[in-house]
Amino acid sequence: MTLSASLTDREREVATAIAEGKQNSAIAKELYMSEATVKTHITRTFAKLGVSNRVQLAIFAYQAGLLAS
């Protein structure tokens, strides 16, 4: 199992949105969830992927093929 496969569908959606440069408020609106829930998904995603910030997450998402080039 790859690291990206260990993400839930929601975590993958949030990670993709972060990699696209979206802020938490925009992600919350787009995915119909609260900003607190977005933050929870981000925290869990960081832990699962071993990254510590949004830039590292965006790089991982690109390398893992979560984003179109």
PDB file of N, CA and C in Angstrom:
ATOM      1  N   MET A   1       0.852  -1.189   0.000  1.00  0.00           N
ATOM      2  CA  MET A   1       0.000   0.000   0.000  1.00  0.00           C
ATOM      3  C   MET A   1       0.890   1.242   0.000  1.00  0.00           C
ATOM      4  N   THR A   2       0.620   2.173  -0.891  1.00  0.00           N
ATOM      5  CA  THR A   2       1.383   3.411  -0.943  1.00  0.00           C
ATOM      6  C   THR A   2       0.859   4.383   0.096  1.00  0.00           C
ATOM      7  N   LEU A   3       1.652   5.381   0.385  1.00  0.00           N
ATOM      8  CA  LEU A   3       1.221   6.375   1.363  1.00  0.00           C
ATOM      9  C   LEU A   3      -0.064   7.068   0.938  1.00  0.00           C
ATOM     10  N   SER A   4      -0.152   7.435  -0.332  1.00  0.00           N
ATOM     11  CA  SER A   4      -1.362   8.122  -0.785  1.00  0.00           C
ATOM     12  C   SER A   4      -2.582   7.207  -0.707  1.00  0.00           C
ATOM     13  N   ALA A   5      -2.371   5.894  -0.826  1.00  0.00           N
ATOM     14  CA  ALA A   5      -3.485   4.957  -0.722  1.00  0.00           C
ATOM     15  C   ALA A   5      -3.988   4.855   0.707  1.00  0.00           C
ATOM     16  N   SER A   6      -3.158   5.234   1.685  1.00  0.00           N
ATOM     17  CA  SER A   6      -3.584   5.176   3.075  1.00  0.00           C
ATOM     18  C   SER A   6      -4.516   6.329   3.441  1.00  0.00           C
ATOM     19  N   LEU A   7      -4.652   7.302   2.555  1.00  0.00           N
ATOM     20  CA  LEU A   7      -5.554   8.429   2.797  1.00  0.00           C
ATOM     21  C   LEU A   7      -6.987   8.033   2.508  1.00  0.00           C
ATOM     22  N   THR A   8      -7.906   8.594   3.303  1.00  0.00           N
ATOM     23  CA  THR A   8      -9.319   8.402   2.997  1.00  0.00           C
ATOM     24  C   THR A   8      -9.657   9.242   1.771  1.00  0.00           C
ATOM     25  N   ASP A   9     -10.804   8.990   1.185  1.00  0.00           N
ATOM     26  CA  ASP A   9     -11.220   9.789   0.024  1.00  0.00           C
ATOM     27  C   ASP A   9     -11.284  11.273   0.388  1.00  0.00           C
ATOM     28  N   ARG A  10     -11.794  11.585   1.568  1.00  0.00           N
ATOM     29  CA  ARG A  10     -11.934  12.972   2.000  1.00  0.00           C
ATOM     30  C   ARG A  10     -10.567  13.617   2.209  1.00  0.00           C
ATOM     31  N   GLU A  11      -9.652  12.874   2.821  1.00  0.00           N
ATOM     32  CA  GLU A  11      -8.303  13.397   3.012  1.00  0.00           C
ATOM     33  C   GLU A  11      -7.642  13.661   1.662  1.00  0.00           C
ATOM     34  N   ARG A  12      -7.877  12.789   0.707  1.00  0.00           N
ATOM     35  CA  ARG A  12      -7.328  12.968  -0.636  1.00  0.00           C
ATOM     36  C   ARG A  12      -7.927  14.222  -1.286  1.00  0.00           C
ATOM     37  N   GLU A  13      -9.219  14.438  -1.118  1.00  0.00           N
ATOM     38  CA  GLU A  13      -9.862  15.637  -1.677  1.00  0.00           C
ATOM     39  C   GLU A  13      -9.276  16.902  -1.062  1.00  0.00           C
ATOM     40  N   VAL A  14      -9.099  16.886   0.255  1.00  0.00           N
ATOM     41  CA  VAL A  14      -8.535  18.046   0.944  1.00  0.00           C
ATOM     42  C   VAL A  14      -7.092  18.269   0.504  1.00  0.00           C
ATOM     43  N   ALA A  15      -6.311  17.203   0.411  1.00  0.00           N
ATOM     44  CA  ALA A  15      -4.916  17.318  -0.024  1.00  0.00           C
ATOM     45  C   ALA A  15      -4.835  17.904  -1.433  1.00  0.00           C
ATOM     46  N   THR A  16      -5.701  17.456  -2.305  1.00  0.00           N
ATOM     47  CA  THR A  16      -5.726  17.972  -3.673  1.00  0.00           C
ATOM     48  C   THR A  16      -6.068  19.456  -3.679  1.00  0.00           C
ATOM     49  N   ALA A  17      -7.048  19.841  -2.884  1.00  0.00           N
ATOM     50  CA  ALA A  17      -7.444  21.250  -2.816  1.00  0.00           C
ATOM     51  C   ALA A  17      -6.305  22.113  -2.274  1.00  0.00           C
ATOM     52  N   ILE A  18      -5.599  21.614  -1.276  1.00  0.00           N
ATOM     53  CA  ILE A  18      -4.442  22.351  -0.737  1.00  0.00           C
ATOM     54  C   ILE A  18      -3.379  22.504  -1.819  1.00  0.00           C
ATOM     55  N   ALA A  19      -3.112  21.430  -2.527  1.00  0.00           N
ATOM     56  CA  ALA A  19      -2.101  21.468  -3.585  1.00  0.00           C
ATOM     57  C   ALA A  19      -2.492  22.434  -4.696  1.00  0.00           C
ATOM     58  N   GLU A  20      -3.777  22.658  -4.869  1.00  0.00           N
ATOM     59  CA  GLU A  20      -4.267  23.619  -5.865  1.00  0.00           C
ATOM     60  C   GLU A  20      -4.205  25.046  -5.339  1.00  0.00           C
ATOM     61  N   GLY A  21      -3.754  25.211  -4.091  1.00  0.00           N
ATOM     62  CA  GLY A  21      -3.580  26.542  -3.516  1.00  0.00           C
ATOM     63  C   GLY A  21      -4.793  27.097  -2.797  1.00  0.00           C
ATOM     64  N   LYS A  22      -5.779  26.269  -2.527  1.00  0.00           N
ATOM     65  CA  LYS A  22      -6.997  26.749  -1.871  1.00  0.00           C
ATOM     66  C   LYS A  22      -6.795  26.882  -0.366  1.00  0.00           C
ATOM     67  N   GLN A  23      -7.428  27.893   0.188  1.00  0.00           N
ATOM     68  CA  GLN A  23      -7.386  28.124   1.629  1.00  0.00           C
ATOM     69  C   GLN A  23      -8.445  27.261   2.331  1.00  0.00           C
ATOM     70  N   ASN A  24      -8.291  27.106   3.640  1.00  0.00           N
ATOM     71  CA  ASN A  24      -9.214  26.262   4.404  1.00  0.00           C
ATOM     72  C   ASN A  24     -10.673  26.665   4.226  1.00  0.00           C
ATOM     73  N   SER A  25     -10.942  27.960   4.235  1.00  0.00           N
ATOM     74  CA  SER A  25     -12.330  28.418   4.101  1.00  0.00           C
ATOM     75  C   SER A  25     -12.927  28.016   2.754  1.00  0.00           C
ATOM     76  N   ALA A  26     -12.137  28.122   1.697  1.00  0.00           N
ATOM     77  CA  ALA A  26     -12.611  27.735   0.362  1.00  0.00           C
ATOM     78  C   ALA A  26     -12.818  26.229   0.274  1.00  0.00           C
ATOM     79  N   ILE A  27     -11.910  25.464   0.888  1.00  0.00           N
ATOM     80  CA  ILE A  27     -12.037  24.006   0.891  1.00  0.00           C
ATOM     81  C   ILE A  27     -13.309  23.606   1.638  1.00  0.00           C
ATOM     82  N   ALA A  28     -13.541  24.231   2.770  1.00  0.00           N
ATOM     83  CA  ALA A  28     -14.729  23.928   3.570  1.00  0.00           C
ATOM     84  C   ALA A  28     -16.000  24.181   2.770  1.00  0.00           C
ATOM     85  N   LYS A  29     -16.033  25.291   2.090  1.00  0.00           N
ATOM     86  CA  LYS A  29     -17.205  25.642   1.288  1.00  0.00           C
ATOM     87  C   LYS A  29     -17.409  24.649   0.145  1.00  0.00           C
ATOM     88  N   GLU A  30     -16.328  24.341  -0.544  1.00  0.00           N
ATOM     89  CA  GLU A  30     -16.375  23.457  -1.709  1.00  0.00           C
ATOM     90  C   GLU A  30     -16.794  22.027  -1.335  1.00  0.00           C
ATOM     91  N   LEU A  31     -16.326  21.560  -0.180  1.00  0.00           N
ATOM     92  CA  LEU A  31     -16.594  20.183   0.225  1.00  0.00           C
ATOM     93  C   LEU A  31     -17.722  20.064   1.258  1.00  0.00           C
ATOM     94  N   TYR A  32     -18.408  21.174   1.530  1.00  0.00           N
ATOM     95  CA  TYR A  32     -19.557  21.182   2.440  1.00  0.00           C
ATOM     96  C   TYR A  32     -19.203  20.627   3.819  1.00  0.00           C
ATOM     97  N   MET A  33     -18.158  21.233   4.418  1.00  0.00           N
ATOM     98  CA  MET A  33     -17.766  20.852   5.771  1.00  0.00           C
ATOM     99  C   MET A  33     -17.294  22.101   6.496  1.00  0.00           C
ATOM    100  N   SER A  34     -17.149  21.991   7.806  1.00  0.00           N
ATOM    101  CA  SER A  34     -16.681  23.139   8.578  1.00  0.00           C
ATOM    102  C   SER A  34     -15.170  23.292   8.417  1.00  0.00           C
ATOM    103  N   GLU A  35     -14.684  24.489   8.733  1.00  0.00           N
ATOM    104  CA  GLU A  35     -13.241  24.705   8.678  1.00  0.00           C
ATOM    105  C   GLU A  35     -12.529  23.831   9.708  1.00  0.00           C
ATOM    106  N   ALA A  36     -13.172  23.572  10.835  1.00  0.00           N
ATOM    107  CA  ALA A  36     -12.567  22.694  11.851  1.00  0.00           C
ATOM    108  C   ALA A  36     -12.373  21.286  11.299  1.00  0.00           C
ATOM    109  N   THR A  37     -13.323  20.811  10.517  1.00  0.00           N
ATOM    110  CA  THR A  37     -13.208  19.484   9.909  1.00  0.00           C
ATOM    111  C   THR A  37     -12.090  19.474   8.875  1.00  0.00           C
ATOM    112  N   VAL A  38     -11.962  20.548   8.117  1.00  0.00           N
ATOM    113  CA  VAL A  38     -10.869  20.662   7.146  1.00  0.00           C
ATOM    114  C   VAL A  38      -9.540  20.574   7.882  1.00  0.00           C
ATOM    115  N   LYS A  39      -9.412  21.311   8.987  1.00  0.00           N
ATOM    116  CA  LYS A  39      -8.171  21.288   9.767  1.00  0.00           C
ATOM    117  C   LYS A  39      -7.873  19.887  10.295  1.00  0.00           C
ATOM    118  N   THR A  40      -8.904  19.166  10.710  1.00  0.00           N
ATOM    119  CA  THR A  40      -8.720  17.799  11.187  1.00  0.00           C
ATOM    120  C   THR A  40      -8.183  16.918  10.065  1.00  0.00           C
ATOM    121  N   HIS A  41      -8.768  17.028   8.882  1.00  0.00           N
ATOM    122  CA  HIS A  41      -8.296  16.243   7.731  1.00  0.00           C
ATOM    123  C   HIS A  41      -6.845  16.607   7.386  1.00  0.00           C
ATOM    124  N   ILE A  42      -6.519  17.881   7.462  1.00  0.00           N
ATOM    125  CA  ILE A  42      -5.154  18.312   7.163  1.00  0.00           C
ATOM    126  C   ILE A  42      -4.177  17.709   8.172  1.00  0.00           C
ATOM    127  N   THR A  43      -4.511  17.790   9.440  1.00  0.00           N
ATOM    128  CA  THR A  43      -3.642  17.241  10.486  1.00  0.00           C
ATOM    129  C   THR A  43      -3.409  15.751  10.287  1.00  0.00           C
ATOM    130  N   ARG A  44      -4.472  15.016  10.007  1.00  0.00           N
ATOM    131  CA  ARG A  44      -4.349  13.575   9.790  1.00  0.00           C
ATOM    132  C   ARG A  44      -3.542  13.267   8.530  1.00  0.00           C
ATOM    133  N   THR A  45      -3.746  14.043   7.485  1.00  0.00           N
ATOM    134  CA  THR A  45      -3.026  13.843   6.235  1.00  0.00           C
ATOM    135  C   THR A  45      -1.533  14.109   6.432  1.00  0.00           C
ATOM    136  N   PHE A  46      -1.205  15.210   7.115  1.00  0.00           N
ATOM    137  CA  PHE A  46       0.198  15.504   7.406  1.00  0.00           C
ATOM    138  C   PHE A  46       0.845  14.323   8.129  1.00  0.00           C
ATOM    139  N   ALA A  47       0.159  13.801   9.142  1.00  0.00           N
ATOM    140  CA  ALA A  47       0.705  12.692   9.929  1.00  0.00           C
ATOM    141  C   ALA A  47       0.898  11.443   9.077  1.00  0.00           C
ATOM    142  N   LYS A  48      -0.090  11.110   8.265  1.00  0.00           N
ATOM    143  CA  LYS A  48      -0.008   9.908   7.437  1.00  0.00           C
ATOM    144  C   LYS A  48       1.096   9.993   6.393  1.00  0.00           C
ATOM    145  N   LEU A  49       1.307  11.181   5.850  1.00  0.00           N
ATOM    146  CA  LEU A  49       2.286  11.349   4.778  1.00  0.00           C
ATOM    147  C   LEU A  49       3.663  11.754   5.279  1.00  0.00           C
ATOM    148  N   GLY A  50       3.754  12.104   6.554  1.00  0.00           N
ATOM    149  CA  GLY A  50       5.035  12.510   7.109  1.00  0.00           C
ATOM    150  C   GLY A  50       5.498  13.864   6.619  1.00  0.00           C
ATOM    151  N   VAL A  51       4.547  14.757   6.366  1.00  0.00           N
ATOM    152  CA  VAL A  51       4.881  16.123   5.949  1.00  0.00           C
ATOM    153  C   VAL A  51       4.496  17.074   7.070  1.00  0.00           C
ATOM    154  N   SER A  52       5.051  18.286   7.020  1.00  0.00           N
ATOM    155  CA  SER A  52       4.769  19.215   8.112  1.00  0.00           C
ATOM    156  C   SER A  52       4.185  20.551   7.666  1.00  0.00           C
ATOM    157  N   ASN A  53       3.990  20.719   6.362  1.00  0.00           N
ATOM    158  CA  ASN A  53       3.382  21.971   5.909  1.00  0.00           C
ATOM    159  C   ASN A  53       2.698  21.774   4.555  1.00  0.00           C
ATOM    160  N   ARG A  54       1.988  22.803   4.142  1.00  0.00           N
ATOM    161  CA  ARG A  54       1.189  22.735   2.917  1.00  0.00           C
ATOM    162  C   ARG A  54       2.047  22.584   1.666  1.00  0.00           C
ATOM    163  N   VAL A  55       3.219  23.180   1.667  1.00  0.00           N
ATOM    164  CA  VAL A  55       4.104  23.091   0.500  1.00  0.00           C
ATOM    165  C   VAL A  55       4.572  21.649   0.317  1.00  0.00           C
ATOM    166  N   GLN A  56       4.995  21.020   1.404  1.00  0.00           N
ATOM    167  CA  GLN A  56       5.413  19.626   1.322  1.00  0.00           C
ATOM    168  C   GLN A  56       4.251  18.739   0.870  1.00  0.00           C
ATOM    169  N   LEU A  57       3.067  19.047   1.353  1.00  0.00           N
ATOM    170  CA  LEU A  57       1.882  18.283   0.942  1.00  0.00           C
ATOM    171  C   LEU A  57       1.621  18.461  -0.550  1.00  0.00           C
ATOM    172  N   ALA A  58       1.753  19.683  -1.044  1.00  0.00           N
ATOM    173  CA  ALA A  58       1.537  19.942  -2.472  1.00  0.00           C
ATOM    174  C   ALA A  58       2.557  19.184  -3.315  1.00  0.00           C
ATOM    175  N   ILE A  59       3.805  19.167  -2.877  1.00  0.00           N
ATOM    176  CA  ILE A  59       4.844  18.433  -3.614  1.00  0.00           C
ATOM    177  C   ILE A  59       4.511  16.948  -3.627  1.00  0.00           C
ATOM    178  N   PHE A  60       4.123  16.414  -2.481  1.00  0.00           N
ATOM    179  CA  PHE A  60       3.761  15.002  -2.401  1.00  0.00           C
ATOM    180  C   PHE A  60       2.586  14.708  -3.331  1.00  0.00           C
ATOM    181  N   ALA A  61       1.573  15.547  -3.301  1.00  0.00           N
ATOM    182  CA  ALA A  61       0.380  15.328  -4.121  1.00  0.00           C
ATOM    183  C   ALA A  61       0.737  15.307  -5.603  1.00  0.00           C
ATOM    184  N   TYR A  62       1.615  16.201  -6.013  1.00  0.00           N
ATOM    185  CA  TYR A  62       2.036  16.232  -7.411  1.00  0.00           C
ATOM    186  C   TYR A  62       2.800  14.951  -7.770  1.00  0.00           C
ATOM    187  N   GLN A  63       3.754  14.561  -6.924  1.00  0.00           N
ATOM    188  CA  GLN A  63       4.575  13.389  -7.182  1.00  0.00           C
ATOM    189  C   GLN A  63       3.757  12.090  -7.146  1.00  0.00           C
ATOM    190  N   ALA A  64       2.713  12.079  -6.330  1.00  0.00           N
ATOM    191  CA  ALA A  64       1.874  10.882  -6.202  1.00  0.00           C
ATOM    192  C   ALA A  64       0.815  10.799  -7.296  1.00  0.00           C
ATOM    193  N   GLY A  65       0.742  11.841  -8.123  1.00  0.00           N
ATOM    194  CA  GLY A  65      -0.225  11.831  -9.207  1.00  0.00           C
ATOM    195  C   GLY A  65      -1.623  12.236  -8.806  1.00  0.00           C
ATOM    196  N   LEU A  66      -1.750  12.898  -7.647  1.00  0.00           N
ATOM    197  CA  LEU A  66      -3.059  13.373  -7.224  1.00  0.00           C
ATOM    198  C   LEU A  66      -3.494  14.592  -8.024  1.00  0.00           C
ATOM    199  N   LEU A  67      -2.539  15.229  -8.676  1.00  0.00           N
ATOM    200  CA  LEU A  67      -2.815  16.418  -9.478  1.00  0.00           C
ATOM    201  C   LEU A  67      -2.431  16.187 -10.932  1.00  0.00           C
ATOM    202  N   ALA A  68      -3.152  16.836 -11.788  1.00  0.00           N
ATOM    203  CA  ALA A  68      -2.759  16.806 -13.202  1.00  0.00           C
ATOM    204  C   ALA A  68      -1.587  17.760 -13.366  1.00  0.00           C
ATOM    205  N   SER A  69      -0.652  17.414 -14.212  1.00  0.00           N
ATOM    206  CA  SER A  69       0.534  18.278 -14.381  1.00  0.00           C
ATOM    207  C   SER A  69       0.237  19.487 -15.211  1.00  0.00           C
TER     208      SER A  69
END
